[in-house]
Amino acid sequence: GIHEKIKEQACRMTERDTNLIFRTLRNTARVAKNEVSD
């Protein structure tokens, strides 16, 4: 049910296009690399 633009974006992304956030909080999460996660 997610927006088609996100599906299209995902198809253009690569294995390098994720970020690990919350590392300093010891609650690591892997999310898509974008302006916010950067």
PDB file of all heavy atoms in Angstrom:
ATOM      1  N   GLY A   1       0.782  -1.236   0.000  1.00  0.00           N
ATOM      2  CA  GLY A   1       0.000   0.000   0.000  1.00  0.00           C
ATOM      3  C   GLY A   1       0.807   1.275   0.000  1.00  0.00           C
ATOM      4  O   GLY A   1       0.232   2.364   0.079  1.00  0.00           O
ATOM      5  N   ILE A   2       2.126   1.200  -0.086  1.00  0.00           N
ATOM      6  CA  ILE A   2       2.907   2.432  -0.074  1.00  0.00           C
ATOM      7  C   ILE A   2       2.828   3.120  -1.434  1.00  0.00           C
ATOM      8  O   ILE A   2       2.468   2.517  -2.442  1.00  0.00           O
ATOM      9  CB  ILE A   2       4.380   2.162   0.311  1.00  0.00           C
ATOM     10  CG1 ILE A   2       5.115   1.403  -0.799  1.00  0.00           C
ATOM     11  CG2 ILE A   2       4.457   1.399   1.621  1.00  0.00           C
ATOM     12  CD1 ILE A   2       6.609   1.258  -0.534  1.00  0.00           C
ATOM     13  N   HIS A   3       3.179   4.380  -1.472  1.00  0.00           N
ATOM     14  CA  HIS A   3       3.059   5.190  -2.691  1.00  0.00           C
ATOM     15  C   HIS A   3       3.957   4.643  -3.806  1.00  0.00           C
ATOM     16  O   HIS A   3       5.075   4.184  -3.560  1.00  0.00           O
ATOM     17  CB  HIS A   3       3.444   6.637  -2.374  1.00  0.00           C
ATOM     18  CG  HIS A   3       2.920   7.628  -3.355  1.00  0.00           C
ATOM     19  ND1 HIS A   3       3.454   7.793  -4.618  1.00  0.00           N
ATOM     20  CD2 HIS A   3       1.901   8.521  -3.258  1.00  0.00           C
ATOM     21  CE1 HIS A   3       2.808   8.740  -5.258  1.00  0.00           C
ATOM     22  NE2 HIS A   3       1.845   9.200  -4.450  1.00  0.00           N
ATOM     23  N   GLU A   4       3.442   4.718  -5.037  1.00  0.00           N
ATOM     24  CA  GLU A   4       4.193   4.188  -6.176  1.00  0.00           C
ATOM     25  C   GLU A   4       5.534   4.891  -6.366  1.00  0.00           C
ATOM     26  O   GLU A   4       6.508   4.289  -6.834  1.00  0.00           O
ATOM     27  CB  GLU A   4       3.353   4.304  -7.461  1.00  0.00           C
ATOM     28  CG  GLU A   4       2.111   3.432  -7.467  1.00  0.00           C
ATOM     29  CD  GLU A   4       2.420   1.958  -7.254  1.00  0.00           C
ATOM     30  OE1 GLU A   4       3.350   1.444  -7.917  1.00  0.00           O
ATOM     31  OE2 GLU A   4       1.754   1.327  -6.411  1.00  0.00           O
ATOM     32  N   LYS A   5       5.621   6.153  -5.994  1.00  0.00           N
ATOM     33  CA  LYS A   5       6.890   6.874  -6.146  1.00  0.00           C
ATOM     34  C   LYS A   5       7.979   6.274  -5.258  1.00  0.00           C
ATOM     35  O   LYS A   5       9.155   6.275  -5.625  1.00  0.00           O
ATOM     36  CB  LYS A   5       6.703   8.360  -5.812  1.00  0.00           C
ATOM     37  CG  LYS A   5       5.942   9.150  -6.866  1.00  0.00           C
ATOM     38  CD  LYS A   5       5.896  10.624  -6.490  1.00  0.00           C
ATOM     39  CE  LYS A   5       5.171  11.445  -7.548  1.00  0.00           C
ATOM     40  NZ  LYS A   5       5.110  12.890  -7.169  1.00  0.00           N
ATOM     41  N   ILE A   6       7.589   5.774  -4.090  1.00  0.00           N
ATOM     42  CA  ILE A   6       8.564   5.152  -3.194  1.00  0.00           C
ATOM     43  C   ILE A   6       9.017   3.812  -3.774  1.00  0.00           C
ATOM     44  O   ILE A   6      10.201   3.449  -3.692  1.00  0.00           O
ATOM     45  CB  ILE A   6       7.991   4.981  -1.779  1.00  0.00           C
ATOM     46  CG1 ILE A   6       7.544   6.334  -1.224  1.00  0.00           C
ATOM     47  CG2 ILE A   6       9.005   4.320  -0.863  1.00  0.00           C
ATOM     48  CD1 ILE A   6       8.640   7.389  -1.193  1.00  0.00           C
ATOM     49  N   LYS A   7       8.097   3.081  -4.362  1.00  0.00           N
ATOM     50  CA  LYS A   7       8.480   1.821  -5.008  1.00  0.00           C
ATOM     51  C   LYS A   7       9.456   2.086  -6.152  1.00  0.00           C
ATOM     52  O   LYS A   7      10.460   1.369  -6.316  1.00  0.00           O
ATOM     53  CB  LYS A   7       7.238   1.098  -5.525  1.00  0.00           C
ATOM     54  CG  LYS A   7       6.244   0.696  -4.445  1.00  0.00           C
ATOM     55  CD  LYS A   7       5.013   0.039  -5.042  1.00  0.00           C
ATOM     56  CE  LYS A   7       3.936  -0.201  -4.002  1.00  0.00           C
ATOM     57  NZ  LYS A   7       2.713  -0.825  -4.560  1.00  0.00           N
ATOM     58  N   GLU A   8       9.168   3.112  -6.939  1.00  0.00           N
ATOM     59  CA  GLU A   8      10.056   3.462  -8.054  1.00  0.00           C
ATOM     60  C   GLU A   8      11.429   3.901  -7.532  1.00  0.00           C
ATOM     61  O   GLU A   8      12.466   3.538  -8.101  1.00  0.00           O
ATOM     62  CB  GLU A   8       9.419   4.565  -8.895  1.00  0.00           C
ATOM     63  CG  GLU A   8       8.145   4.124  -9.608  1.00  0.00           C
ATOM     64  CD  GLU A   8       7.354   5.299 -10.176  1.00  0.00           C
ATOM     65  OE1 GLU A   8       7.845   6.456 -10.056  1.00  0.00           O
ATOM     66  OE2 GLU A   8       6.252   5.064 -10.700  1.00  0.00           O
ATOM     67  N   GLN A   9      11.420   4.686  -6.459  1.00  0.00           N
ATOM     68  CA  GLN A   9      12.671   5.131  -5.852  1.00  0.00           C
ATOM     69  C   GLN A   9      13.485   3.932  -5.375  1.00  0.00           C
ATOM     70  O   GLN A   9      14.705   3.864  -5.591  1.00  0.00           O
ATOM     71  CB  GLN A   9      12.372   6.065  -4.673  1.00  0.00           C
ATOM     72  CG  GLN A   9      13.580   6.439  -3.823  1.00  0.00           C
ATOM     73  CD  GLN A   9      14.372   7.597  -4.400  1.00  0.00           C
ATOM     74  OE1 GLN A   9      14.041   8.090  -5.465  1.00  0.00           O
ATOM     75  NE2 GLN A   9      15.412   8.002  -3.692  1.00  0.00           N
ATOM     76  N   ALA A  10      12.826   2.988  -4.736  1.00  0.00           N
ATOM     77  CA  ALA A  10      13.517   1.813  -4.215  1.00  0.00           C
ATOM     78  C   ALA A  10      14.181   1.016  -5.334  1.00  0.00           C
ATOM     79  O   ALA A  10      15.295   0.495  -5.162  1.00  0.00           O
ATOM     80  CB  ALA A  10      12.544   0.933  -3.441  1.00  0.00           C
ATOM     81  N   CYS A  11      13.524   0.931  -6.470  1.00  0.00           N
ATOM     82  CA  CYS A  11      14.086   0.184  -7.601  1.00  0.00           C
ATOM     83  C   CYS A  11      15.341   0.849  -8.171  1.00  0.00           C
ATOM     84  O   CYS A  11      16.153   0.194  -8.825  1.00  0.00           O
ATOM     85  CB  CYS A  11      13.050   0.018  -8.707  1.00  0.00           C
ATOM     86  SG  CYS A  11      11.716  -1.136  -8.307  1.00  0.00           S
ATOM     87  N   ARG A  12      15.484   2.139  -7.919  1.00  0.00           N
ATOM     88  CA  ARG A  12      16.678   2.858  -8.405  1.00  0.00           C
ATOM     89  C   ARG A  12      17.822   2.830  -7.394  1.00  0.00           C
ATOM     90  O   ARG A  12      18.953   3.183  -7.720  1.00  0.00           O
ATOM     91  CB  ARG A  12      16.324   4.318  -8.719  1.00  0.00           C
ATOM     92  CG  ARG A  12      15.372   4.505  -9.891  1.00  0.00           C
ATOM     93  CD  ARG A  12      15.288   5.966 -10.300  1.00  0.00           C
ATOM     94  NE  ARG A  12      14.675   6.794  -9.274  1.00  0.00           N
ATOM     95  CZ  ARG A  12      13.376   7.063  -9.200  1.00  0.00           C
ATOM     96  NH1 ARG A  12      12.542   6.552 -10.097  1.00  0.00           N
ATOM     97  NH2 ARG A  12      12.889   7.838  -8.242  1.00  0.00           N
ATOM     98  N   MET A  13      17.528   2.437  -6.177  1.00  0.00           N
ATOM     99  CA  MET A  13      18.526   2.473  -5.114  1.00  0.00           C
ATOM    100  C   MET A  13      19.416   1.239  -5.159  1.00  0.00           C
ATOM    101  O   MET A  13      19.098   0.246  -5.817  1.00  0.00           O
ATOM    102  CB  MET A  13      17.833   2.622  -3.753  1.00  0.00           C
ATOM    103  CG  MET A  13      17.052   3.931  -3.632  1.00  0.00           C
ATOM    104  SD  MET A  13      16.005   4.038  -2.158  1.00  0.00           S
ATOM    105  CE  MET A  13      17.215   4.462  -0.909  1.00  0.00           C
ATOM    106  N   THR A  14      20.540   1.303  -4.459  1.00  0.00           N
ATOM    107  CA  THR A  14      21.488   0.202  -4.439  1.00  0.00           C
ATOM    108  C   THR A  14      21.734  -0.249  -3.008  1.00  0.00           C
ATOM    109  O   THR A  14      21.207   0.341  -2.047  1.00  0.00           O
ATOM    110  CB  THR A  14      22.838   0.616  -5.065  1.00  0.00           C
ATOM    111  OG1 THR A  14      23.553   1.455  -4.126  1.00  0.00           O
ATOM    112  CG2 THR A  14      22.636   1.380  -6.371  1.00  0.00           C
ATOM    113  N   GLU A  15      22.564  -1.260  -2.863  1.00  0.00           N
ATOM    114  CA  GLU A  15      22.900  -1.778  -1.542  1.00  0.00           C
ATOM    115  C   GLU A  15      23.630  -0.756  -0.676  1.00  0.00           C
ATOM    116  O   GLU A  15      23.741  -0.939   0.544  1.00  0.00           O
ATOM    117  CB  GLU A  15      23.746  -3.051  -1.670  1.00  0.00           C
ATOM    118  CG  GLU A  15      25.130  -2.870  -2.266  1.00  0.00           C
ATOM    119  CD  GLU A  15      25.140  -2.815  -3.794  1.00  0.00           C
ATOM    120  OE1 GLU A  15      24.054  -2.847  -4.416  1.00  0.00           O
ATOM    121  OE2 GLU A  15      26.251  -2.736  -4.362  1.00  0.00           O
ATOM    122  N   ARG A  16      24.102   0.332  -1.280  1.00  0.00           N
ATOM    123  CA  ARG A  16      24.815   1.367  -0.530  1.00  0.00           C
ATOM    124  C   ARG A  16      23.881   2.481  -0.031  1.00  0.00           C
ATOM    125  O   ARG A  16      24.323   3.390   0.668  1.00  0.00           O
ATOM    126  CB  ARG A  16      25.916   1.973  -1.402  1.00  0.00           C
ATOM    127  CG  ARG A  16      26.953   0.953  -1.853  1.00  0.00           C
ATOM    128  CD  ARG A  16      28.022   1.571  -2.741  1.00  0.00           C
ATOM    129  NE  ARG A  16      28.834   2.515  -1.973  1.00  0.00           N
ATOM    130  CZ  ARG A  16      29.147   3.743  -2.371  1.00  0.00           C
ATOM    131  NH1 ARG A  16      28.695   4.194  -3.541  1.00  0.00           N
ATOM    132  NH2 ARG A  16      29.905   4.522  -1.634  1.00  0.00           N
ATOM    133  N   ASP A  17      22.606   2.380  -0.394  1.00  0.00           N
ATOM    134  CA  ASP A  17      21.680   3.482  -0.117  1.00  0.00           C
ATOM    135  C   ASP A  17      20.864   3.281   1.152  1.00  0.00           C
ATOM    136  O   ASP A  17      19.638   3.481   1.179  1.00  0.00           O
ATOM    137  CB  ASP A  17      20.757   3.697  -1.319  1.00  0.00           C
ATOM    138  CG  ASP A  17      21.493   4.272  -2.513  1.00  0.00           C
ATOM    139  OD1 ASP A  17      22.370   5.126  -2.311  1.00  0.00           O
ATOM    140  OD2 ASP A  17      21.203   3.863  -3.647  1.00  0.00           O
ATOM    141  N   THR A  18      21.547   2.869   2.228  1.00  0.00           N
ATOM    142  CA  THR A  18      20.895   2.839   3.538  1.00  0.00           C
ATOM    143  C   THR A  18      21.801   3.545   4.542  1.00  0.00           C
ATOM    144  O   THR A  18      23.004   3.708   4.320  1.00  0.00           O
ATOM    145  CB  THR A  18      20.624   1.397   4.032  1.00  0.00           C
ATOM    146  OG1 THR A  18      21.858   0.742   4.336  1.00  0.00           O
ATOM    147  CG2 THR A  18      19.838   0.599   2.997  1.00  0.00           C
ATOM    148  N   ASN A  19      21.218   3.955   5.638  1.00  0.00           N
ATOM    149  CA  ASN A  19      21.962   4.542   6.763  1.00  0.00           C
ATOM    150  C   ASN A  19      21.660   3.770   8.033  1.00  0.00           C
ATOM    151  O   ASN A  19      20.540   3.262   8.218  1.00  0.00           O
ATOM    152  CB  ASN A  19      21.562   6.009   6.984  1.00  0.00           C
ATOM    153  CG  ASN A  19      22.352   6.975   6.118  1.00  0.00           C
ATOM    154  OD1 ASN A  19      23.520   6.745   5.816  1.00  0.00           O
ATOM    155  ND2 ASN A  19      21.722   8.078   5.719  1.00  0.00           N
ATOM    156  N   LEU A  20      22.649   3.708   8.910  1.00  0.00           N
ATOM    157  CA  LEU A  20      22.446   3.184  10.256  1.00  0.00           C
ATOM    158  C   LEU A  20      22.296   4.365  11.198  1.00  0.00           C
ATOM    159  O   LEU A  20      23.214   5.179  11.328  1.00  0.00           O
ATOM    160  CB  LEU A  20      23.621   2.308  10.675  1.00  0.00           C
ATOM    161  CG  LEU A  20      23.766   0.995   9.915  1.00  0.00           C
ATOM    162  CD1 LEU A  20      25.090   0.331  10.249  1.00  0.00           C
ATOM    163  CD2 LEU A  20      22.603   0.049  10.230  1.00  0.00           C
ATOM    164  N   ILE A  21      21.138   4.464  11.827  1.00  0.00           N
ATOM    165  CA  ILE A  21      20.876   5.552  12.763  1.00  0.00           C
ATOM    166  C   ILE A  21      20.703   4.993  14.174  1.00  0.00           C
ATOM    167  O   ILE A  21      20.580   3.779  14.367  1.00  0.00           O
ATOM    168  CB  ILE A  21      19.637   6.373  12.349  1.00  0.00           C
ATOM    169  CG1 ILE A  21      18.371   5.515  12.369  1.00  0.00           C
ATOM    170  CG2 ILE A  21      19.844   6.974  10.954  1.00  0.00           C
ATOM    171  CD1 ILE A  21      17.092   6.291  12.125  1.00  0.00           C
ATOM    172  N   PHE A  22      20.710   5.872  15.154  1.00  0.00           N
ATOM    173  CA  PHE A  22      20.565   5.509  16.567  1.00  0.00           C
ATOM    174  C   PHE A  22      21.722   4.650  17.079  1.00  0.00           C
ATOM    175  O   PHE A  22      21.588   3.972  18.098  1.00  0.00           O
ATOM    176  CB  PHE A  22      19.243   4.771  16.831  1.00  0.00           C
ATOM    177  CG  PHE A  22      18.004   5.508  16.424  1.00  0.00           C
ATOM    178  CD1 PHE A  22      16.840   4.809  16.136  1.00  0.00           C
ATOM    179  CD2 PHE A  22      17.982   6.888  16.313  1.00  0.00           C
ATOM    180  CE1 PHE A  22      15.681   5.477  15.766  1.00  0.00           C
ATOM    181  CE2 PHE A  22      16.834   7.561  15.941  1.00  0.00           C
ATOM    182  CZ  PHE A  22      15.681   6.856  15.655  1.00  0.00           C
ATOM    183  N   ARG A  23      22.863   4.701  16.391  1.00  0.00           N
ATOM    184  CA  ARG A  23      24.010   3.918  16.856  1.00  0.00           C
ATOM    185  C   ARG A  23      24.446   4.398  18.246  1.00  0.00           C
ATOM    186  O   ARG A  23      24.790   3.597  19.114  1.00  0.00           O
ATOM    187  CB  ARG A  23      25.178   4.059  15.876  1.00  0.00           C
ATOM    188  CG  ARG A  23      24.944   3.454  14.501  1.00  0.00           C
ATOM    189  CD  ARG A  23      24.853   1.954  14.539  1.00  0.00           C
ATOM    190  NE  ARG A  23      26.143   1.329  14.252  1.00  0.00           N
ATOM    191  CZ  ARG A  23      26.346   0.019  14.258  1.00  0.00           C
ATOM    192  NH1 ARG A  23      25.361  -0.795  14.561  1.00  0.00           N
ATOM    193  NH2 ARG A  23      27.525  -0.481  13.981  1.00  0.00           N
ATOM    194  N   THR A  24      24.445   5.704  18.430  1.00  0.00           N
ATOM    195  CA  THR A  24      24.904   6.255  19.710  1.00  0.00           C
ATOM    196  C   THR A  24      23.935   5.944  20.844  1.00  0.00           C
ATOM    197  O   THR A  24      24.309   5.990  22.021  1.00  0.00           O
ATOM    198  CB  THR A  24      25.077   7.779  19.607  1.00  0.00           C
ATOM    199  OG1 THR A  24      23.824   8.369  19.225  1.00  0.00           O
ATOM    200  CG2 THR A  24      26.131   8.137  18.577  1.00  0.00           C
ATOM    201  N   LEU A  25      22.698   5.633  20.515  1.00  0.00           N
ATOM    202  CA  LEU A  25      21.684   5.327  21.520  1.00  0.00           C
ATOM    203  C   LEU A  25      21.594   3.837  21.806  1.00  0.00           C
ATOM    204  O   LEU A  25      20.749   3.405  22.596  1.00  0.00           O
ATOM    205  CB  LEU A  25      20.314   5.834  21.047  1.00  0.00           C
ATOM    206  CG  LEU A  25      20.220   7.317  20.694  1.00  0.00           C
ATOM    207  CD1 LEU A  25      18.812   7.657  20.207  1.00  0.00           C
ATOM    208  CD2 LEU A  25      20.613   8.185  21.879  1.00  0.00           C
ATOM    209  N   ARG A  26      22.444   3.049  21.135  1.00  0.00           N
ATOM    210  CA  ARG A  26      22.417   1.598  21.278  1.00  0.00           C
ATOM    211  C   ARG A  26      21.049   1.026  20.914  1.00  0.00           C
ATOM    212  O   ARG A  26      20.547   0.080  21.533  1.00  0.00           O
ATOM    213  CB  ARG A  26      22.802   1.169  22.708  1.00  0.00           C
ATOM    214  CG  ARG A  26      24.182   1.622  23.157  1.00  0.00           C
ATOM    215  CD  ARG A  26      25.280   0.841  22.472  1.00  0.00           C
ATOM    216  NE  ARG A  26      25.268  -0.564  22.839  1.00  0.00           N
ATOM    217  CZ  ARG A  26      26.016  -1.495  22.237  1.00  0.00           C
ATOM    218  NH1 ARG A  26      26.813  -1.157  21.240  1.00  0.00           N
ATOM    219  NH2 ARG A  26      25.962  -2.765  22.623  1.00  0.00           N
ATOM    220  N   ASN A  27      20.443   1.614  19.895  1.00  0.00           N
ATOM    221  CA  ASN A  27      19.159   1.139  19.393  1.00  0.00           C
ATOM    222  C   ASN A  27      19.180   1.216  17.863  1.00  0.00           C
ATOM    223  O   ASN A  27      18.282   1.752  17.234  1.00  0.00           O
ATOM    224  CB  ASN A  27      18.020   1.989  19.966  1.00  0.00           C
ATOM    225  CG  ASN A  27      16.654   1.417  19.642  1.00  0.00           C
ATOM    226  OD1 ASN A  27      16.491   0.204  19.487  1.00  0.00           O
ATOM    227  ND2 ASN A  27      15.660   2.288  19.509  1.00  0.00           N
ATOM    228  N   THR A  28      20.231   0.672  17.278  1.00  0.00           N
ATOM    229  CA  THR A  28      20.531   0.822  15.856  1.00  0.00           C
ATOM    230  C   THR A  28      19.347   0.464  14.970  1.00  0.00           C
ATOM    231  O   THR A  28      18.656  -0.537  15.197  1.00  0.00           O
ATOM    232  CB  THR A  28      21.735  -0.068  15.481  1.00  0.00           C
ATOM    233  OG1 THR A  28      22.860   0.335  16.262  1.00  0.00           O
ATOM    234  CG2 THR A  28      22.069   0.060  14.005  1.00  0.00           C
ATOM    235  N   ALA A  29      19.134   1.283  13.949  1.00  0.00           N
ATOM    236  CA  ALA A  29      18.102   1.019  12.950  1.00  0.00           C
ATOM    237  C   ALA A  29      18.677   1.281  11.564  1.00  0.00           C
ATOM    238  O   ALA A  29      19.397   2.257  11.358  1.00  0.00           O
ATOM    239  CB  ALA A  29      16.882   1.903  13.190  1.00  0.00           C
ATOM    240  N   ARG A  30      18.351   0.389  10.628  1.00  0.00           N
ATOM    241  CA  ARG A  30      18.755   0.596   9.238  1.00  0.00           C
ATOM    242  C   ARG A  30      17.571   1.170   8.469  1.00  0.00           C
ATOM    243  O   ARG A  30      16.489   0.587   8.451  1.00  0.00           O
ATOM    244  CB  ARG A  30      19.223  -0.708   8.586  1.00  0.00           C
ATOM    245  CG  ARG A  30      19.820  -0.474   7.183  1.00  0.00           C
ATOM    246  CD  ARG A  30      20.268  -1.765   6.524  1.00  0.00           C
ATOM    247  NE  ARG A  30      21.325  -2.435   7.242  1.00  0.00           N
ATOM    248  CZ  ARG A  30      22.605  -2.096   7.184  1.00  0.00           C
ATOM    249  NH1 ARG A  30      22.983  -1.061   6.442  1.00  0.00           N
ATOM    250  NH2 ARG A  30      23.501  -2.785   7.866  1.00  0.00           N
ATOM    251  N   VAL A  31      17.799   2.315   7.842  1.00  0.00           N
ATOM    252  CA  VAL A  31      16.747   3.013   7.098  1.00  0.00           C
ATOM    253  C   VAL A  31      17.285   3.451   5.746  1.00  0.00           C
ATOM    254  O   VAL A  31      18.500   3.410   5.497  1.00  0.00           O
ATOM    255  CB  VAL A  31      16.241   4.245   7.891  1.00  0.00           C
ATOM    256  CG1 VAL A  31      15.649   3.830   9.228  1.00  0.00           C
ATOM    257  CG2 VAL A  31      17.366   5.267   8.099  1.00  0.00           C
ATOM    258  N   ALA A  32      16.385   3.872   4.886  1.00  0.00           N
ATOM    259  CA  ALA A  32      16.790   4.371   3.573  1.00  0.00           C
ATOM    260  C   ALA A  32      17.642   5.634   3.733  1.00  0.00           C
ATOM    261  O   ALA A  32      17.390   6.469   4.606  1.00  0.00           O
ATOM    262  CB  ALA A  32      15.564   4.675   2.727  1.00  0.00           C
ATOM    263  N   LYS A  33      18.644   5.738   2.894  1.00  0.00           N
ATOM    264  CA  LYS A  33      19.486   6.938   2.887  1.00  0.00           C
ATOM    265  C   LYS A  33      18.721   8.067   2.204  1.00  0.00           C
ATOM    266  O   LYS A  33      18.298   7.951   1.057  1.00  0.00           O
ATOM    267  CB  LYS A  33      20.790   6.646   2.139  1.00  0.00           C
ATOM    268  CG  LYS A  33      21.770   7.816   2.096  1.00  0.00           C
ATOM    269  CD  LYS A  33      23.058   7.408   1.390  1.00  0.00           C
ATOM    270  CE  LYS A  33      24.014   8.580   1.236  1.00  0.00           C
ATOM    271  NZ  LYS A  33      24.415   9.168   2.543  1.00  0.00           N
ATOM    272  N   ASN A  34      18.523   9.170   2.922  1.00  0.00           N
ATOM    273  CA  ASN A  34      17.876  10.350   2.351  1.00  0.00           C
ATOM    274  C   ASN A  34      18.333  11.574   3.144  1.00  0.00           C
ATOM    275  O   ASN A  34      19.214  11.479   4.013  1.00  0.00           O
ATOM    276  CB  ASN A  34      16.344  10.207   2.333  1.00  0.00           C
ATOM    277  CG  ASN A  34      15.734  10.092   3.731  1.00  0.00           C
ATOM    278  OD1 ASN A  34      16.411  10.237   4.742  1.00  0.00           O
ATOM    279  ND2 ASN A  34      14.439   9.848   3.777  1.00  0.00           N
ATOM    280  N   GLU A  35      17.748  12.717   2.857  1.00  0.00           N
ATOM    281  CA  GLU A  35      18.180  13.949   3.529  1.00  0.00           C
ATOM    282  C   GLU A  35      17.991  13.871   5.043  1.00  0.00           C
ATOM    283  O   GLU A  35      18.833  14.352   5.814  1.00  0.00           O
ATOM    284  CB  GLU A  35      17.396  15.138   2.967  1.00  0.00           C
ATOM    285  CG  GLU A  35      17.698  15.453   1.509  1.00  0.00           C
ATOM    286  CD  GLU A  35      16.822  16.562   0.956  1.00  0.00           C
ATOM    287  OE1 GLU A  35      15.999  17.099   1.741  1.00  0.00           O
ATOM    288  OE2 GLU A  35      16.940  16.884  -0.237  1.00  0.00           O
ATOM    289  N   VAL A  36      16.904  13.252   5.459  1.00  0.00           N
ATOM    290  CA  VAL A  36      16.597  13.207   6.893  1.00  0.00           C
ATOM    291  C   VAL A  36      17.545  12.260   7.625  1.00  0.00           C
ATOM    292  O   VAL A  36      18.118  12.610   8.663  1.00  0.00           O
ATOM    293  CB  VAL A  36      15.130  12.798   7.118  1.00  0.00           C
ATOM    294  CG1 VAL A  36      14.825  12.721   8.615  1.00  0.00           C
ATOM    295  CG2 VAL A  36      14.188  13.776   6.442  1.00  0.00           C
ATOM    296  N   SER A  37      17.722  11.042   7.097  1.00  0.00           N
ATOM    297  CA  SER A  37      18.610  10.099   7.790  1.00  0.00           C
ATOM    298  C   SER A  37      20.058  10.560   7.725  1.00  0.00           C
ATOM    299  O   SER A  37      20.835  10.309   8.657  1.00  0.00           O
ATOM    300  CB  SER A  37      18.454   8.684   7.217  1.00  0.00           C
ATOM    301  OG  SER A  37      18.823   8.615   5.858  1.00  0.00           O
ATOM    302  N   ASP A  38      20.441  11.259   6.642  1.00  0.00           N
ATOM    303  CA  ASP A  38      21.783  11.837   6.592  1.00  0.00           C
ATOM    304  C   ASP A  38      21.981  12.846   7.717  1.00  0.00           C
ATOM    305  O   ASP A  38      23.053  12.919   8.334  1.00  0.00           O
ATOM    306  CB  ASP A  38      22.018  12.537   5.246  1.00  0.00           C
ATOM    307  CG  ASP A  38      22.350  11.578   4.119  1.00  0.00           C
ATOM    308  OD1 ASP A  38      22.639  10.398   4.397  1.00  0.00           O
ATOM    309  OD2 ASP A  38      22.327  12.016   2.948  1.00  0.00           O
TER     310      ASP A  38
END
